[in-house]
Amino acid sequence: GKDFVQFAKAVGVSHPDIDNKVCGTKPHTNKYAQYAGKTNNKNSTDNDLKVAVCGATATFAGSSGRSTAHVLKDFVRETLEEDGNGNWPTSTAETDGTPQPKTNDNAKAVAGDLTKLTTEEKTIVA
């Protein structure tokens, strides 16, 4: 976890364009999920669209949530809790939050986003 946090911080400082391509949260209609220490993303009006999974999708289009996506730097700050001990490699959730944790879900999601980078971008982050 700590090694990944250091890697992510270096990417964010040196290559913000790449930082914006990794772990981008996805919207439900016009509201994006936002990173937090635990997923609390419910399909209801009291939903605050908080997620602890890299690239998770908002489940409701209520008044909460963000107008823009959270990205890698936000994932590190809000979900991994800077020291890398929170939610790595597996996320955590409130009892009824969506998505529920799956073994290595964050590690797999980050790896999936990294594989989508261009060849040049992959060389930069390698």
N, C-alpha and C. Protein backbone atom coordinates (compact mmCIF):
# COMPACT_ATOMS: atom_id res chain seq x y z
N GLY A 1 0.79 -1.20 0.00
CA GLY A 1 0.00 0.00 0.00
C GLY A 1 0.83 1.27 0.00
N LYS A 2 1.84 1.34 0.88
CA LYS A 2 2.67 2.54 0.96
C LYS A 2 3.43 2.78 -0.34
N ASP A 3 3.94 1.70 -0.94
CA ASP A 3 4.66 1.84 -2.21
C ASP A 3 3.74 2.38 -3.30
N PHE A 4 2.51 1.89 -3.34
CA PHE A 4 1.57 2.38 -4.35
C PHE A 4 1.26 3.86 -4.12
N VAL A 5 1.10 4.26 -2.88
CA VAL A 5 0.82 5.67 -2.58
C VAL A 5 1.96 6.54 -3.09
N GLN A 6 3.21 6.13 -2.85
CA GLN A 6 4.35 6.91 -3.34
C GLN A 6 4.36 6.98 -4.86
N PHE A 7 4.08 5.86 -5.52
CA PHE A 7 3.98 5.82 -6.98
C PHE A 7 2.91 6.79 -7.47
N ALA A 8 1.74 6.72 -6.87
CA ALA A 8 0.62 7.57 -7.29
C ALA A 8 0.92 9.05 -7.09
N LYS A 9 1.56 9.39 -5.99
CA LYS A 9 1.92 10.78 -5.74
C LYS A 9 2.91 11.27 -6.79
N ALA A 10 3.89 10.44 -7.14
CA ALA A 10 4.87 10.82 -8.16
C ALA A 10 4.20 11.04 -9.50
N VAL A 11 3.27 10.17 -9.86
CA VAL A 11 2.54 10.33 -11.12
C VAL A 11 1.74 11.63 -11.09
N GLY A 12 1.07 11.90 -10.00
CA GLY A 12 0.25 13.10 -9.89
C GLY A 12 1.04 14.38 -10.01
N VAL A 13 2.24 14.40 -9.43
CA VAL A 13 3.08 15.59 -9.49
C VAL A 13 3.72 15.75 -10.86
N SER A 14 4.28 14.67 -11.38
CA SER A 14 5.04 14.74 -12.63
C SER A 14 4.17 14.70 -13.88
N HIS A 15 3.05 14.00 -13.81
CA HIS A 15 2.22 13.78 -15.00
C HIS A 15 0.73 13.86 -14.66
N PRO A 16 0.23 15.06 -14.38
CA PRO A 16 -1.18 15.19 -13.99
C PRO A 16 -2.14 14.69 -15.07
N ASP A 17 -1.72 14.70 -16.33
CA ASP A 17 -2.59 14.20 -17.39
C ASP A 17 -2.82 12.70 -17.24
N ILE A 18 -1.79 11.97 -16.78
CA ILE A 18 -1.94 10.54 -16.53
C ILE A 18 -2.76 10.32 -15.26
N ASP A 19 -2.51 11.13 -14.24
CA ASP A 19 -3.27 11.06 -12.99
C ASP A 19 -4.77 11.14 -13.26
N ASN A 20 -5.15 11.95 -14.22
CA ASN A 20 -6.57 12.13 -14.55
C ASN A 20 -7.17 10.95 -15.31
N LYS A 21 -6.33 10.02 -15.78
CA LYS A 21 -6.82 8.86 -16.54
C LYS A 21 -6.94 7.60 -15.70
N VAL A 22 -6.52 7.67 -14.44
CA VAL A 22 -6.52 6.50 -13.57
C VAL A 22 -7.48 6.73 -12.42
N CYS A 23 -8.31 5.75 -12.14
CA CYS A 23 -9.26 5.78 -11.02
C CYS A 23 -10.30 6.90 -11.12
N GLY A 24 -10.70 7.25 -12.31
CA GLY A 24 -11.75 8.26 -12.45
C GLY A 24 -13.10 7.69 -12.06
N THR A 25 -13.79 8.36 -11.12
CA THR A 25 -15.12 7.89 -10.75
C THR A 25 -16.08 8.15 -11.91
N LYS A 26 -17.16 7.40 -11.92
CA LYS A 26 -18.11 7.48 -13.03
C LYS A 26 -19.47 7.98 -12.52
N PRO A 27 -20.19 8.69 -13.39
CA PRO A 27 -21.46 9.29 -12.95
C PRO A 27 -22.66 8.39 -13.12
N HIS A 28 -23.69 8.70 -12.37
CA HIS A 28 -25.04 8.22 -12.64
C HIS A 28 -25.77 9.48 -13.09
N THR A 29 -26.14 9.55 -14.33
CA THR A 29 -26.70 10.74 -14.94
C THR A 29 -25.68 11.87 -14.88
N ASN A 30 -25.81 12.82 -13.94
CA ASN A 30 -24.90 13.97 -13.92
C ASN A 30 -24.11 14.11 -12.63
N LYS A 31 -24.20 13.17 -11.71
CA LYS A 31 -23.46 13.25 -10.46
C LYS A 31 -22.45 12.11 -10.36
N TYR A 32 -21.20 12.47 -10.07
CA TYR A 32 -20.13 11.49 -9.95
C TYR A 32 -19.99 11.01 -8.51
N ALA A 33 -19.56 9.77 -8.37
CA ALA A 33 -19.21 9.25 -7.05
C ALA A 33 -17.99 10.02 -6.55
N GLN A 34 -17.84 10.05 -5.22
CA GLN A 34 -16.68 10.71 -4.62
C GLN A 34 -15.97 9.74 -3.69
N TYR A 35 -14.64 9.83 -3.64
CA TYR A 35 -13.87 8.90 -2.83
C TYR A 35 -14.01 9.18 -1.34
N ALA A 36 -14.00 8.09 -0.57
CA ALA A 36 -14.12 8.16 0.88
C ALA A 36 -13.45 6.93 1.48
N GLY A 37 -13.38 6.87 2.80
CA GLY A 37 -12.77 5.75 3.49
C GLY A 37 -13.57 4.46 3.40
N LYS A 38 -14.90 4.57 3.24
CA LYS A 38 -15.77 3.40 3.08
C LYS A 38 -16.83 3.72 2.04
N THR A 39 -17.19 2.71 1.26
CA THR A 39 -18.25 2.89 0.29
C THR A 39 -19.59 3.02 1.01
N ASN A 40 -20.33 4.07 0.66
CA ASN A 40 -21.69 4.29 1.16
C ASN A 40 -22.48 4.86 -0.02
N ASN A 41 -22.69 4.03 -1.00
CA ASN A 41 -23.22 4.43 -2.30
C ASN A 41 -24.50 3.63 -2.52
N LYS A 42 -25.64 4.23 -2.12
CA LYS A 42 -26.91 3.51 -2.16
C LYS A 42 -27.84 4.12 -3.19
N ASN A 43 -28.75 3.32 -3.67
CA ASN A 43 -29.74 3.80 -4.63
C ASN A 43 -30.94 4.36 -3.88
N SER A 44 -30.72 5.53 -3.26
CA SER A 44 -31.80 6.16 -2.49
C SER A 44 -31.52 7.65 -2.36
N THR A 45 -32.51 8.39 -1.88
CA THR A 45 -32.36 9.83 -1.77
C THR A 45 -31.38 10.26 -0.69
N ASP A 46 -31.07 9.40 0.28
CA ASP A 46 -30.10 9.77 1.31
C ASP A 46 -28.68 9.36 0.94
N ASN A 47 -28.47 9.08 -0.32
CA ASN A 47 -27.18 8.63 -0.82
C ASN A 47 -26.20 9.78 -0.88
N ASP A 48 -24.99 9.58 -0.36
CA ASP A 48 -23.96 10.61 -0.50
C ASP A 48 -22.92 10.23 -1.54
N LEU A 49 -23.15 9.15 -2.28
CA LEU A 49 -22.32 8.73 -3.41
C LEU A 49 -20.85 8.53 -3.05
N LYS A 50 -20.56 8.10 -1.83
CA LYS A 50 -19.18 7.87 -1.41
C LYS A 50 -18.75 6.45 -1.78
N VAL A 51 -17.56 6.35 -2.36
CA VAL A 51 -17.04 5.05 -2.78
C VAL A 51 -15.59 4.89 -2.33
N ALA A 52 -15.20 3.63 -2.10
CA ALA A 52 -13.83 3.31 -1.72
C ALA A 52 -13.20 2.36 -2.74
N VAL A 53 -13.76 2.32 -3.95
CA VAL A 53 -13.25 1.46 -5.01
C VAL A 53 -12.82 2.32 -6.19
N CYS A 54 -11.61 2.11 -6.65
CA CYS A 54 -11.07 2.85 -7.80
C CYS A 54 -12.03 2.78 -8.98
N GLY A 55 -12.45 3.95 -9.47
CA GLY A 55 -13.29 4.03 -10.66
C GLY A 55 -14.74 3.65 -10.49
N ALA A 56 -15.24 3.61 -9.25
CA ALA A 56 -16.62 3.19 -9.01
C ALA A 56 -17.63 4.18 -9.60
N THR A 57 -18.83 3.69 -9.82
CA THR A 57 -19.91 4.47 -10.42
C THR A 57 -20.93 4.88 -9.36
N ALA A 58 -21.39 6.12 -9.44
CA ALA A 58 -22.47 6.58 -8.57
C ALA A 58 -23.73 5.77 -8.85
N THR A 59 -24.51 5.48 -7.81
CA THR A 59 -25.71 4.67 -8.00
C THR A 59 -27.00 5.48 -8.03
N PHE A 60 -26.90 6.78 -7.82
CA PHE A 60 -28.10 7.59 -7.73
C PHE A 60 -27.77 8.99 -8.24
N ALA A 61 -28.71 9.69 -8.79
CA ALA A 61 -28.47 11.03 -9.32
C ALA A 61 -29.12 12.09 -8.45
N GLY A 62 -29.00 11.96 -7.16
CA GLY A 62 -29.58 12.93 -6.24
C GLY A 62 -28.78 14.21 -6.20
N SER A 63 -29.02 15.02 -5.20
CA SER A 63 -28.34 16.32 -5.11
C SER A 63 -26.92 16.20 -4.59
N SER A 64 -26.57 15.06 -4.01
CA SER A 64 -25.20 14.89 -3.51
C SER A 64 -24.30 14.42 -4.65
N GLY A 65 -23.06 14.21 -4.33
CA GLY A 65 -22.11 13.79 -5.36
C GLY A 65 -21.38 14.98 -5.94
N ARG A 66 -20.58 14.70 -6.94
CA ARG A 66 -19.72 15.71 -7.54
C ARG A 66 -20.16 16.00 -8.97
N SER A 67 -19.82 17.19 -9.45
CA SER A 67 -20.11 17.53 -10.84
C SER A 67 -18.99 17.09 -11.77
N THR A 68 -17.83 16.74 -11.20
CA THR A 68 -16.70 16.23 -11.98
C THR A 68 -16.17 14.96 -11.30
N ALA A 69 -15.43 14.19 -12.05
CA ALA A 69 -14.90 12.93 -11.52
C ALA A 69 -13.79 13.16 -10.50
N HIS A 70 -13.72 12.29 -9.51
CA HIS A 70 -12.55 12.17 -8.66
C HIS A 70 -11.56 11.30 -9.42
N VAL A 71 -10.25 11.51 -9.25
CA VAL A 71 -9.23 10.76 -9.99
C VAL A 71 -8.19 10.19 -9.03
N LEU A 72 -7.08 9.70 -9.56
CA LEU A 72 -6.07 8.99 -8.78
C LEU A 72 -5.63 9.75 -7.53
N LYS A 73 -5.31 11.03 -7.65
CA LYS A 73 -4.83 11.78 -6.48
C LYS A 73 -5.90 11.83 -5.39
N ASP A 74 -7.17 11.91 -5.78
CA ASP A 74 -8.27 11.93 -4.81
C ASP A 74 -8.44 10.56 -4.17
N PHE A 75 -8.27 9.51 -4.97
CA PHE A 75 -8.34 8.13 -4.48
C PHE A 75 -7.28 7.91 -3.39
N VAL A 76 -6.07 8.39 -3.65
CA VAL A 76 -4.99 8.24 -2.67
C VAL A 76 -5.30 9.03 -1.40
N ARG A 77 -5.72 10.28 -1.56
CA ARG A 77 -5.96 11.15 -0.40
C ARG A 77 -7.15 10.67 0.44
N GLU A 78 -8.26 10.37 -0.20
CA GLU A 78 -9.50 10.08 0.52
C GLU A 78 -9.70 8.61 0.87
N THR A 79 -9.25 7.71 0.01
CA THR A 79 -9.55 6.30 0.19
C THR A 79 -8.38 5.50 0.76
N LEU A 80 -7.18 5.75 0.24
CA LEU A 80 -6.02 5.02 0.76
C LEU A 80 -5.46 5.68 2.01
N GLU A 81 -5.97 6.86 2.34
CA GLU A 81 -5.62 7.56 3.57
C GLU A 81 -4.14 7.89 3.65
N GLU A 82 -3.55 8.27 2.52
CA GLU A 82 -2.18 8.76 2.43
C GLU A 82 -1.10 7.74 2.80
N ASP A 83 -1.32 6.92 3.82
CA ASP A 83 -0.27 5.99 4.24
C ASP A 83 -0.38 4.64 3.53
N GLY A 84 -1.41 4.45 2.75
CA GLY A 84 -1.56 3.22 2.00
C GLY A 84 -2.17 2.07 2.77
N ASN A 85 -2.51 2.28 4.02
CA ASN A 85 -3.07 1.19 4.82
C ASN A 85 -4.58 1.05 4.69
N GLY A 86 -5.23 2.07 4.21
CA GLY A 86 -6.68 2.00 4.07
C GLY A 86 -7.09 1.53 2.69
N ASN A 87 -7.88 0.50 2.62
CA ASN A 87 -8.51 0.06 1.37
C ASN A 87 -7.56 -0.45 0.30
N TRP A 88 -6.39 -0.91 0.67
CA TRP A 88 -5.46 -1.50 -0.32
C TRP A 88 -5.01 -2.85 0.17
N PRO A 89 -5.13 -3.88 -0.62
CA PRO A 89 -5.60 -3.93 -2.00
C PRO A 89 -7.12 -4.09 -2.13
N THR A 90 -7.81 -4.25 -1.00
CA THR A 90 -9.26 -4.49 -1.02
C THR A 90 -9.99 -3.34 -0.34
N SER A 91 -11.10 -2.91 -0.92
CA SER A 91 -11.89 -1.80 -0.38
C SER A 91 -12.68 -2.23 0.86
N THR A 92 -13.29 -1.24 1.50
CA THR A 92 -14.22 -1.48 2.61
C THR A 92 -15.52 -0.74 2.31
N ALA A 93 -16.61 -1.17 2.95
CA ALA A 93 -17.91 -0.54 2.68
C ALA A 93 -18.78 -0.58 3.92
N GLU A 94 -19.75 0.35 3.94
CA GLU A 94 -20.82 0.27 4.91
C GLU A 94 -21.60 -1.01 4.56
N THR A 95 -22.46 -1.46 5.44
CA THR A 95 -23.13 -2.74 5.22
C THR A 95 -23.94 -2.80 3.93
N ASP A 96 -24.54 -1.69 3.51
CA ASP A 96 -25.35 -1.74 2.30
C ASP A 96 -24.81 -0.87 1.18
N GLY A 97 -23.54 -0.50 1.25
CA GLY A 97 -22.94 0.31 0.19
C GLY A 97 -22.67 -0.52 -1.06
N THR A 98 -22.68 0.13 -2.21
CA THR A 98 -22.42 -0.53 -3.49
C THR A 98 -21.28 0.19 -4.20
N PRO A 99 -20.28 -0.52 -4.70
CA PRO A 99 -20.12 -1.97 -4.70
C PRO A 99 -19.57 -2.47 -3.37
N GLN A 100 -19.92 -3.69 -3.03
CA GLN A 100 -19.38 -4.33 -1.84
C GLN A 100 -17.94 -4.78 -2.13
N PRO A 101 -17.10 -4.84 -1.10
CA PRO A 101 -15.70 -5.23 -1.30
C PRO A 101 -15.56 -6.62 -1.89
N LYS A 102 -14.60 -6.75 -2.78
CA LYS A 102 -14.20 -8.04 -3.34
C LYS A 102 -12.69 -8.12 -3.21
N THR A 103 -12.16 -9.28 -2.95
CA THR A 103 -10.73 -9.45 -2.75
C THR A 103 -9.94 -8.77 -3.86
N ASN A 104 -9.01 -7.92 -3.47
CA ASN A 104 -8.11 -7.20 -4.38
C ASN A 104 -8.83 -6.29 -5.38
N ASP A 105 -10.03 -5.82 -5.06
CA ASP A 105 -10.78 -5.00 -6.01
C ASP A 105 -10.06 -3.72 -6.41
N ASN A 106 -9.45 -3.04 -5.45
CA ASN A 106 -8.74 -1.81 -5.80
C ASN A 106 -7.48 -2.09 -6.61
N ALA A 107 -6.73 -3.10 -6.24
CA ALA A 107 -5.52 -3.44 -6.99
C ALA A 107 -5.88 -3.80 -8.44
N LYS A 108 -6.94 -4.56 -8.61
CA LYS A 108 -7.37 -4.96 -9.96
C LYS A 108 -7.88 -3.75 -10.75
N ALA A 109 -8.60 -2.86 -10.12
CA ALA A 109 -9.13 -1.69 -10.82
C ALA A 109 -8.01 -0.76 -11.27
N VAL A 110 -7.02 -0.55 -10.40
CA VAL A 110 -5.88 0.29 -10.78
C VAL A 110 -5.13 -0.35 -11.94
N ALA A 111 -4.86 -1.64 -11.84
CA ALA A 111 -4.16 -2.35 -12.91
C ALA A 111 -4.92 -2.24 -14.22
N GLY A 112 -6.24 -2.38 -14.16
CA GLY A 112 -7.05 -2.25 -15.36
C GLY A 112 -6.93 -0.88 -16.01
N ASP A 113 -6.93 0.17 -15.19
CA ASP A 113 -6.78 1.52 -15.73
C ASP A 113 -5.40 1.73 -16.32
N LEU A 114 -4.37 1.19 -15.67
CA LEU A 114 -3.01 1.35 -16.18
C LEU A 114 -2.84 0.67 -17.54
N THR A 115 -3.52 -0.46 -17.74
CA THR A 115 -3.40 -1.15 -19.03
C THR A 115 -4.06 -0.36 -20.16
N LYS A 116 -4.94 0.58 -19.83
CA LYS A 116 -5.62 1.38 -20.86
C LYS A 116 -4.81 2.61 -21.29
N LEU A 117 -3.70 2.87 -20.60
CA LEU A 117 -2.86 4.00 -20.98
C LEU A 117 -2.20 3.73 -22.33
N THR A 118 -1.79 4.80 -23.00
CA THR A 118 -1.07 4.63 -24.27
C THR A 118 0.30 4.01 -24.00
N THR A 119 0.94 3.53 -25.03
CA THR A 119 2.28 2.94 -24.89
C THR A 119 3.24 3.96 -24.29
N GLU A 120 3.18 5.19 -24.74
CA GLU A 120 4.05 6.24 -24.21
C GLU A 120 3.78 6.49 -22.73
N GLU A 121 2.51 6.55 -22.35
CA GLU A 121 2.15 6.77 -20.95
C GLU A 121 2.60 5.60 -20.08
N LYS A 122 2.47 4.39 -20.59
CA LYS A 122 2.93 3.21 -19.84
C LYS A 122 4.43 3.28 -19.60
N THR A 123 5.18 3.74 -20.58
CA THR A 123 6.63 3.88 -20.44
C THR A 123 6.95 4.90 -19.35
N ILE A 124 6.20 5.98 -19.30
CA ILE A 124 6.41 7.03 -18.30
C ILE A 124 6.19 6.49 -16.89
N VAL A 125 5.14 5.72 -16.68
CA VAL A 125 4.82 5.25 -15.33
C VAL A 125 5.59 3.99 -14.93
N ALA A 126 6.26 3.37 -15.89
CA ALA A 126 6.99 2.12 -15.59
C ALA A 126 8.21 2.38 -14.72
